[in-house]
Protein backbone atom coordinates (compact mmCIF):
# COMPACT_ATOMS: atom_id res chain seq x y z
CA MET A 1 22.16 -24.75 100.80
CA ALA A 2 24.87 -22.34 99.62
CA ALA A 3 24.98 -21.33 95.97
CA HIS A 4 27.74 -22.91 93.93
CA PRO A 5 30.51 -20.32 93.30
CA PHE A 6 30.22 -20.73 89.51
CA SER A 7 26.57 -19.63 89.70
CA ILE A 8 27.82 -16.18 90.78
CA PRO A 9 28.83 -13.98 87.77
CA ASN A 10 31.46 -12.04 89.73
CA TYR A 11 33.17 -15.23 90.84
CA ARG A 12 33.10 -16.68 87.32
CA ALA A 13 34.86 -13.59 85.93
CA TYR A 14 37.34 -13.64 88.82
CA TRP A 15 38.04 -17.35 88.21
CA ILE A 16 38.69 -16.89 84.48
CA ALA A 17 40.95 -13.91 85.22
CA ARG A 18 42.92 -16.00 87.72
CA LEU A 19 43.25 -18.89 85.28
CA ALA A 20 44.43 -16.67 82.41
CA SER A 21 46.96 -14.78 84.52
CA THR A 22 48.29 -18.03 86.00
CA LEU A 23 48.77 -19.56 82.56
CA ALA A 24 50.62 -16.44 81.43
CA GLY A 25 52.67 -15.96 84.58
CA LEU A 26 53.91 -19.54 84.92
CA SER A 27 54.65 -19.78 81.23
CA MET A 28 56.88 -16.75 81.67
CA VAL A 29 58.50 -18.13 84.83
CA VAL A 30 59.60 -21.27 82.97
CA VAL A 31 61.00 -19.33 80.02
CA ILE A 32 62.75 -16.76 82.23
CA GLY A 33 64.40 -19.56 84.21
CA TRP A 34 65.44 -21.37 81.05
CA GLN A 35 66.81 -18.20 79.43
CA VAL A 36 68.76 -17.24 82.56
CA TYR A 37 70.30 -20.69 82.90
CA ASP A 38 70.93 -21.09 79.17
CA ILE A 39 72.56 -17.67 78.80
CA ALA A 40 74.64 -18.26 81.93
CA ARG A 41 75.81 -21.69 80.73
CA GLU A 42 77.34 -20.09 77.66
CA THR A 43 80.07 -18.62 79.86
CA MET A 44 79.69 -20.44 83.22
CA GLY A 45 79.79 -23.92 84.72
CA ILE A 46 76.77 -25.69 86.18
CA LYS A 47 77.24 -24.40 89.74
CA GLN A 48 77.83 -20.81 88.64
CA ALA A 49 74.79 -20.92 86.35
CA ALA A 50 72.73 -22.36 89.24
CA LEU A 51 73.73 -19.29 91.22
CA GLN A 52 72.10 -17.12 88.56
CA LEU A 53 68.84 -19.03 89.06
CA GLY A 54 69.11 -18.22 92.74
CA LEU A 55 69.56 -14.54 91.95
CA VAL A 56 66.39 -14.55 89.82
CA GLY A 57 64.43 -15.92 92.78
CA LEU A 58 65.95 -13.25 95.01
CA ALA A 59 65.06 -10.52 92.50
CA GLN A 60 61.39 -11.53 92.74
CA PHE A 61 61.41 -11.91 96.52
CA LEU A 62 62.98 -8.60 97.57
CA PRO A 63 60.08 -6.41 96.29
CA LEU A 64 57.65 -8.59 98.24
CA LEU A 65 59.74 -8.25 101.37
CA ALA A 66 59.94 -4.48 101.01
CA LEU A 67 56.27 -3.94 100.16
CA THR A 68 54.47 -6.44 102.41
CA LEU A 69 53.11 -4.00 105.00
CA ILE A 70 52.11 -1.46 102.36
CA THR A 71 50.32 -3.89 100.02
CA GLY A 72 48.23 -5.42 102.80
CA TRP A 73 47.14 -2.01 104.06
CA VAL A 74 46.33 -0.92 100.49
CA ALA A 75 44.21 -4.06 99.96
CA ASP A 76 42.11 -3.14 103.02
CA ARG A 77 41.79 0.56 102.10
CA ILE A 78 41.43 0.66 98.31
CA ASP A 79 39.06 -1.07 95.90
CA ARG A 80 40.61 -4.52 95.60
CA ARG A 81 39.41 -4.91 92.04
CA TRP A 82 41.51 -1.96 90.89
CA ILE A 83 44.58 -3.20 92.73
CA ILE A 84 44.31 -6.47 90.80
CA ARG A 85 43.69 -4.64 87.53
CA GLY A 86 46.70 -2.36 88.04
CA SER A 87 48.93 -5.32 88.89
CA ILE A 88 47.83 -7.17 85.76
CA ALA A 89 48.57 -4.05 83.70
CA LEU A 90 52.15 -4.13 85.03
CA GLU A 91 52.39 -7.82 84.11
CA ILE A 92 51.22 -6.96 80.58
CA LEU A 93 54.06 -4.45 80.33
CA CYS A 94 56.60 -7.01 81.58
CA ALA A 95 55.42 -9.72 79.19
CA ALA A 96 55.41 -7.38 76.18
CA SER A 97 58.91 -6.12 77.08
CA LEU A 98 60.30 -9.65 77.31
CA ALA A 99 58.62 -10.52 74.01
CA TRP A 100 60.21 -7.55 72.26
CA LEU A 101 63.67 -8.07 73.76
CA THR A 102 63.65 -11.77 72.91
CA TRP A 103 62.32 -11.19 69.38
CA SER A 104 64.96 -8.52 68.71
CA GLU A 105 67.68 -10.82 70.17
CA THR A 106 68.70 -8.18 72.72
CA ILE A 107 67.69 -10.16 75.81
CA SER A 108 70.32 -10.24 78.55
CA LEU A 109 70.75 -11.35 82.15
CA PRO A 110 70.38 -7.79 83.54
CA ALA A 111 67.11 -7.32 81.61
CA LEU A 112 65.77 -10.65 82.85
CA PHE A 113 66.66 -9.76 86.45
CA ALA A 114 65.07 -6.30 86.19
CA ILE A 115 61.81 -7.60 84.73
CA ALA A 116 61.73 -10.43 87.28
CA ALA A 117 61.88 -7.75 89.99
CA LEU A 118 58.97 -5.86 88.38
CA LEU A 119 56.97 -9.09 88.33
CA GLY A 120 57.73 -9.37 92.04
CA VAL A 121 56.24 -5.90 92.56
CA ALA A 122 53.10 -6.93 90.66
CA ARG A 123 52.74 -10.07 92.74
CA ALA A 124 53.27 -8.14 95.97
CA PHE A 125 50.13 -6.12 95.23
CA ILE A 126 47.97 -8.69 93.45
CA SER A 127 48.26 -11.59 95.89
CA PRO A 128 46.77 -10.00 99.05
CA ALA A 129 44.10 -8.25 96.96
CA GLN A 130 43.08 -11.54 95.31
CA GLN A 131 43.02 -13.39 98.61
CA ALA A 132 40.95 -10.67 100.26
CA LEU A 133 38.54 -10.23 97.33
CA ALA A 134 37.56 -13.88 96.89
CA PRO A 135 35.60 -14.16 100.19
CA ASN A 136 33.59 -11.06 99.21
CA LEU A 137 32.37 -12.77 96.03
CA VAL A 138 30.69 -15.83 97.62
CA PRO A 139 28.68 -16.54 100.79
CA PRO A 140 30.72 -17.91 103.73
CA ALA A 141 29.25 -21.42 103.39
CA ALA A 142 30.54 -21.63 99.82
CA LEU A 143 34.02 -20.34 100.63
CA PRO A 144 35.83 -23.71 101.01
CA THR A 145 34.46 -24.77 97.61
CA ALA A 146 35.43 -21.39 96.14
CA ILE A 147 38.95 -21.81 97.54
CA ALA A 148 39.21 -25.28 96.01
CA LEU A 149 38.01 -23.95 92.65
CA SER A 150 40.41 -21.00 92.87
CA ALA A 151 43.22 -23.44 93.61
CA LEU A 152 41.99 -25.51 90.66
CA ALA A 153 42.36 -22.47 88.38
CA TRP A 154 45.87 -22.00 89.72
CA GLN A 155 46.78 -25.64 89.20
CA VAL A 156 45.22 -25.90 85.72
CA GLY A 157 47.31 -22.85 84.89
CA SER A 158 50.27 -24.57 86.50
CA ILE A 159 49.82 -27.51 84.13
CA GLY A 160 49.17 -25.50 80.99
CA GLY A 161 51.55 -22.63 81.72
CA PRO A 162 54.86 -24.51 82.06
CA ALA A 163 54.07 -26.91 79.24
CA MET A 164 52.93 -24.02 77.07
CA GLY A 165 56.09 -22.09 77.86
CA GLY A 166 58.36 -25.00 76.97
CA TYR A 167 56.56 -25.94 73.76
CA LEU A 168 56.10 -22.36 72.54
CA TYR A 169 59.75 -21.56 73.30
CA ALA A 170 60.74 -24.51 71.10
CA ALA A 171 58.58 -22.97 68.33
CA GLY A 172 60.19 -19.57 68.77
CA PRO A 173 61.91 -17.93 71.78
CA SER A 174 59.61 -14.88 71.78
CA VAL A 175 56.35 -16.76 71.15
CA PRO A 176 55.55 -17.67 74.79
CA TYR A 177 55.95 -14.03 75.82
CA TRP A 178 53.58 -12.80 73.09
CA VAL A 179 50.99 -15.41 74.10
CA SER A 180 51.41 -14.46 77.77
CA THR A 181 50.79 -10.83 76.87
CA GLY A 182 47.49 -11.80 75.27
CA LEU A 183 46.45 -13.91 78.26
CA PHE A 184 47.20 -11.06 80.66
CA VAL A 185 45.01 -8.81 78.51
CA LEU A 186 42.19 -11.37 78.79
CA SER A 187 42.68 -11.48 82.56
CA PHE A 188 42.47 -7.69 82.75
CA LEU A 189 39.23 -7.65 80.73
CA MET A 190 37.67 -10.33 82.97
CA MET A 191 38.53 -8.31 86.08
CA MET A 192 36.80 -5.32 84.49
CA LEU A 193 33.60 -7.39 84.53
CA VAL A 194 33.70 -7.87 88.32
CA THR A 195 31.14 -5.45 89.75
CA PRO A 196 31.36 -3.76 93.18
CA VAL A 197 30.53 -6.02 96.13
CA PRO A 198 30.01 -5.18 99.82
CA ARG A 199 32.85 -5.77 102.23
CA THR A 200 33.88 -4.77 105.70
CA ALA A 201 35.63 -1.42 106.07
CA ILE A 202 38.94 -1.20 107.89
CA ALA A 203 38.51 0.29 111.33
CA LYS A 204 39.74 3.88 111.29
CA VAL A 205 41.84 3.50 114.40
CA GLY A 206 45.48 4.53 114.64
CA ASN A 207 47.81 5.91 112.00
CA PRO A 208 48.46 4.07 108.70
CA PHE A 209 51.67 2.45 109.97
CA THR A 210 49.88 1.07 113.03
CA GLN A 211 47.15 -0.32 110.79
CA MET A 212 49.79 -1.96 108.59
CA VAL A 213 51.47 -3.62 111.58
CA ASP A 214 48.09 -4.88 112.80
CA GLY A 215 48.27 -7.65 110.19
CA LEU A 216 51.55 -8.89 111.63
CA ARG A 217 50.17 -8.70 115.15
CA TYR A 218 47.05 -10.64 114.24
CA VAL A 219 49.09 -13.44 112.64
CA ARG A 220 51.44 -13.56 115.64
CA ARG A 221 48.58 -13.82 118.13
CA ASN A 222 46.48 -16.35 116.18
CA ARG A 223 48.58 -19.47 116.60
CA LEU A 224 46.48 -21.54 114.22
CA VAL A 225 47.01 -19.04 111.40
CA LEU A 226 50.68 -18.57 112.32
CA GLY A 227 51.31 -22.30 112.43
CA ALA A 228 49.58 -22.95 109.09
CA ILE A 229 51.41 -20.14 107.28
CA SER A 230 54.85 -20.84 108.75
CA LEU A 231 54.64 -24.62 108.18
CA ASP A 232 54.12 -24.06 104.48
CA MET A 233 56.88 -21.46 104.37
CA PHE A 234 59.58 -23.61 105.95
CA ALA A 235 58.54 -26.86 104.27
CA VAL A 236 58.62 -25.40 100.75
CA LEU A 237 61.57 -23.11 101.53
CA LEU A 238 63.64 -26.14 102.50
CA GLY A 239 62.07 -28.79 100.29
CA GLY A 240 61.08 -26.93 97.11
CA ALA A 241 62.55 -28.58 94.02
CA THR A 242 61.16 -26.30 91.30
CA ALA A 243 64.27 -24.09 91.14
CA MET A 244 66.31 -27.19 90.32
CA LEU A 245 64.15 -28.23 87.37
CA PRO A 246 66.15 -26.37 84.65
CA ILE A 247 69.29 -28.09 85.99
CA TYR A 248 67.62 -31.51 86.06
CA ALA A 249 66.15 -30.99 82.57
CA ARG A 250 69.36 -29.79 80.95
CA ASP A 251 72.21 -31.54 82.76
CA ILE A 252 70.85 -34.48 84.84
CA LEU A 253 67.90 -35.98 82.93
CA MET A 254 69.06 -34.38 79.65
CA ILE A 255 65.59 -33.74 78.19
CA GLY A 256 65.94 -30.08 77.15
CA ALA A 257 63.38 -27.26 77.06
CA ASP A 258 60.47 -29.51 76.02
CA GLY A 259 61.23 -31.86 78.90
CA LEU A 260 61.40 -28.91 81.27
CA GLY A 261 57.78 -28.16 80.40
CA HIS A 262 56.84 -31.71 81.40
CA LEU A 263 58.71 -31.45 84.70
CA ARG A 264 57.11 -28.10 85.55
CA ALA A 265 53.65 -29.37 84.63
CA ALA A 266 53.93 -32.63 86.59
CA PRO A 267 53.30 -31.20 90.12
CA ALA A 268 50.24 -29.38 88.83
CA ILE A 269 48.80 -32.57 87.33
CA GLY A 270 48.70 -34.11 90.80
CA ALA A 271 47.43 -30.88 92.30
CA VAL A 272 44.61 -30.55 89.77
CA ALA A 273 43.46 -34.11 90.41
CA VAL A 274 43.33 -33.42 94.15
CA ALA A 275 41.71 -29.99 93.67
CA VAL A 276 38.93 -31.52 91.55
CA ILE A 277 38.26 -34.07 94.30
CA LEU A 278 38.29 -31.39 97.00
CA SER A 279 35.92 -29.14 95.03
CA TRP A 280 33.53 -32.09 94.79
CA ARG A 281 34.08 -33.53 98.28
CA PRO A 282 35.61 -30.89 100.58
CA LEU A 283 37.48 -32.02 103.68
CA LYS A 284 35.26 -31.85 106.76
CA SER A 285 37.15 -33.55 109.61
CA ASN A 286 40.66 -33.68 111.11
CA VAL A 287 41.80 -31.03 108.65
CA GLY A 288 44.91 -30.09 110.66
CA VAL A 289 46.27 -33.63 110.88
CA LYS A 290 45.63 -34.16 107.18
CA MET A 291 47.61 -31.01 106.40
CA LEU A 292 50.56 -32.22 108.49
CA TRP A 293 50.65 -35.62 106.78
CA SER A 294 50.37 -34.00 103.37
CA VAL A 295 53.54 -32.00 104.06
CA VAL A 296 55.32 -35.20 105.08
CA GLY A 297 54.23 -36.71 101.74
CA PHE A 298 55.53 -33.60 99.98
CA GLY A 299 58.96 -34.13 101.55
CA ILE A 300 59.07 -37.84 100.64
CA ALA A 301 58.12 -37.08 97.03
CA THR A 302 60.88 -34.45 96.86
CA VAL A 303 63.47 -36.99 98.04
CA VAL A 304 62.30 -39.55 95.47
CA PHE A 305 62.49 -36.99 92.66
CA GLY A 306 65.94 -35.78 93.67
CA TRP A 307 67.46 -39.25 93.75
CA THR A 308 65.68 -40.94 90.83
CA GLY A 309 67.71 -39.77 87.84
CA PRO A 310 71.22 -40.06 89.32
CA LEU A 311 70.60 -43.41 91.07
CA MET A 312 68.87 -45.12 88.14
CA THR A 313 71.59 -43.91 85.79
CA ARG A 314 74.29 -45.21 88.13
CA TRP A 315 72.59 -48.59 88.61
CA PHE A 316 71.31 -49.32 85.10
CA GLY A 317 73.26 -47.07 82.75
CA PRO A 318 72.76 -43.87 80.69
CA GLU A 319 69.80 -45.34 78.78
CA MET A 320 67.70 -44.48 81.85
CA ILE A 321 67.78 -40.79 80.84
CA GLY A 322 67.94 -38.65 77.72
CA SER A 323 64.38 -38.88 76.42
CA GLU A 324 60.95 -37.98 77.74
CA LEU A 325 59.97 -41.68 77.89
CA ALA A 326 63.17 -42.87 79.57
CA PRO A 327 62.49 -44.80 82.81
CA ALA A 328 64.24 -42.35 85.13
CA VAL A 329 62.37 -39.45 83.55
CA LEU A 330 59.00 -41.19 83.97
CA VAL A 331 59.70 -41.99 87.63
CA SER A 332 60.82 -38.38 88.20
CA ILE A 333 57.59 -37.10 86.66
CA ALA A 334 55.54 -39.51 88.81
CA ALA A 335 57.31 -38.23 91.94
CA LEU A 336 56.55 -34.64 90.94
CA ILE A 337 52.89 -35.52 90.35
CA ALA A 338 52.69 -36.97 93.86
CA LEU A 339 54.48 -33.88 95.21
CA GLY A 340 51.85 -31.62 93.65
CA GLY A 341 48.98 -33.68 95.03
CA PHE A 342 50.29 -33.53 98.58
CA ASP A 343 51.01 -29.80 98.26
CA MET A 344 47.43 -29.19 97.06
CA ILE A 345 46.01 -30.70 100.26
CA SER A 346 48.27 -28.45 102.33
CA VAL A 347 47.34 -25.35 100.28
CA TYR A 348 43.63 -26.12 100.51
CA VAL A 349 43.64 -26.58 104.28
CA ARG A 350 45.92 -23.61 104.93
CA SER A 351 43.97 -21.23 102.70
CA SER A 352 40.61 -22.27 104.17
CA LEU A 353 41.82 -21.89 107.75
CA ILE A 354 43.35 -18.46 107.08
CA GLN A 355 40.34 -17.09 105.20
CA LEU A 356 37.72 -18.40 107.63
CA HIS A 357 39.66 -17.51 110.77
CA THR A 358 40.42 -13.91 109.72
CA PRO A 359 37.94 -10.98 109.96
CA ASP A 360 37.14 -9.44 106.58
CA ALA A 361 38.53 -6.05 107.63
CA MET A 362 41.90 -7.75 108.26
CA ARG A 363 42.04 -10.03 105.23
CA GLY A 364 44.13 -7.71 103.07
CA ARG A 365 46.80 -7.22 105.73
CA VAL A 366 46.80 -10.86 106.80
CA GLY A 367 46.87 -11.81 103.11
CA SER A 368 49.98 -9.68 102.58
CA VAL A 369 51.70 -11.45 105.49
CA SER A 370 50.63 -14.79 104.01
CA THR A 371 51.97 -13.69 100.62
CA LEU A 372 55.31 -12.81 102.21
CA PHE A 373 55.49 -16.24 103.84
CA ILE A 374 54.48 -17.98 100.62
CA SER A 375 56.97 -15.96 98.62
CA SER A 376 59.62 -16.78 101.19
CA SER A 377 58.93 -20.43 100.44
CA ASN A 378 58.76 -19.97 96.66
CA GLU A 379 61.00 -17.15 95.37
CA LEU A 380 63.33 -17.13 98.39
CA GLY A 381 63.24 -20.93 98.30
CA GLU A 382 64.41 -20.78 94.69
CA ALA A 383 67.21 -18.47 95.74
CA ARG A 384 68.11 -20.85 98.59
CA SER A 385 68.10 -23.81 96.20
CA GLY A 386 70.22 -22.00 93.63
CA PHE A 387 72.77 -20.81 96.16
CA LEU A 388 72.93 -24.20 97.88
CA ALA A 389 73.26 -26.01 94.55
CA ALA A 390 76.17 -23.72 93.74
CA LEU A 391 77.86 -24.81 96.97
CA ILE A 392 77.07 -28.53 97.31
CA GLY A 393 75.47 -29.51 94.01
CA PRO A 394 71.83 -29.83 92.88
CA LEU A 395 71.39 -33.47 93.99
CA VAL A 396 72.33 -32.91 97.63
CA ALA A 397 70.40 -29.63 97.73
CA THR A 398 67.19 -31.28 96.45
CA VAL A 399 67.31 -34.50 98.48
CA GLY A 400 68.45 -32.74 101.65
CA GLY A 401 65.62 -30.26 101.27
CA GLY A 402 63.06 -33.08 101.15
CA PHE A 403 64.34 -34.57 104.39
CA ALA A 404 64.36 -31.10 105.96
CA ALA A 405 60.67 -30.63 105.06
CA ILE A 406 59.79 -33.86 106.89
CA LEU A 407 61.75 -32.75 109.95
CA VAL A 408 60.07 -29.33 109.98
CA THR A 409 56.64 -30.97 109.91
CA ALA A 410 57.48 -33.08 112.96
CA LEU A 411 58.69 -29.98 114.81
CA TRP A 412 55.62 -27.93 113.87
CA ALA A 413 53.27 -30.68 115.05
CA ARG A 414 54.85 -30.28 118.49
CA ILE A 415 55.34 -26.48 118.52
CA PHE A 416 51.82 -25.74 117.22
CA PRO A 417 49.44 -28.30 118.76
CA GLU A 418 46.62 -26.07 117.44
CA LEU A 419 47.30 -27.62 114.02
CA ARG A 420 46.75 -31.15 115.30
CA ARG A 421 43.59 -30.04 117.12
CA ALA A 422 42.00 -28.32 114.09
CA ARG A 423 39.07 -30.63 113.38
CA THR A 424 37.01 -28.51 110.96
CA PHE A 425 37.19 -25.20 109.11
CA ASP A 426 34.52 -23.64 111.31
CA PRO A 427 35.73 -20.26 112.66
CA PRO A 428 35.39 -19.47 116.36
CA ALA A 429 32.08 -17.95 117.44
CA SER A 430 33.92 -14.84 118.62
CA LEU A 431 35.12 -14.02 115.09
CA ASP A 432 33.14 -11.10 113.70
CA ASN A 433 32.90 -10.96 109.91
CA SER A 434 29.82 -8.80 109.84
CA PRO A 435 30.26 -5.45 108.10
CA GLN A 436 31.25 -2.58 110.38
CA GLU A 437 30.62 -0.20 107.51
CA GLU A 438 29.41 -1.53 104.20
CA ILE A 439 31.65 -0.31 101.43
CA LYS A 440 32.18 -1.45 97.89
CA ALA A 441 35.14 -3.72 97.10
């Protein structure tokens, strides 16, 4: 019987570091989005301010796009622990800079955009290194449980981070940034406790550029991995509602910065509940079909959230909104909780399939490709939502995106039958994860 991941000191330190950095990072994301929208609304209308939210998402995505091949290759060539530590150090610098600028009342849209881009650089390096390091910390049999627990750390941070950002911002605009700085420092210290572990060395074949491109080639040829990654990308790219939350909090549901924290935390509440269940009772059968249906549920929940506030206000009057306990607000939060639960199932299945169906020597490069796809769905999705909201309004952009996610799932079920046929997480017998050359990660 495989050891539980928490019985392994390296994994415990890794898990705490991931939790602390997630709390800090998502607290900052909420406050950055609120500051951008709030500053923009001082001189702009709703649609023009929504465009600024789109630009923030684009500022975080472009570094990932530019650095994808490099960061994956680096994660397979260099000690992954130090890549993570260096990325966290950059996040410490960003958080401290935002804290100082906000405290001194010199914060501006250009500064927010520039620091958002630096955070994109940090994420470009940290994500593939984290994904590639985790399987080295636990035995293969414990990996699905470790993935569920890692996702749990992310989702607990997703609950605490946004709520923390909203509440601390209400206490003082610079407070959430100072707290985030401290949490990033804790994350850095925890990563310093992770000792060297054996991993598979990258094959020294071809020049560095060829080795970088190998990650793209592997994803293109492995249709199960390609289908899982691309389904998530297009579903969240089209259906993601998180970029719209500042607009819904300020101008549709009218619940302000505190309410924004509730909206941002709601998806993570559902995700944490599902992650706890999956860490206790991992999925073992028909994993591909369950992933497809979870994305359909994600799209339905997005549609319900997008329509709730406007329709209930139109049918029953303005008393449906305006406070955190108003009926439309409660239904919107419930829809976001369901959205997070469905997304957690998809993340769990996708991450397990990718990690267990990828050789260790390729995990950094495949992880960088996965990070690009995920970022395309998140940061680029936020840009898409902001730009589309500027053109057709936030309601149509959100609801239409939910329907689009459902349609994409139906198409992917036909285009990638490998997803429907994935019964378990067991990798093919031909996959070689044995060390070619034992090195220290």
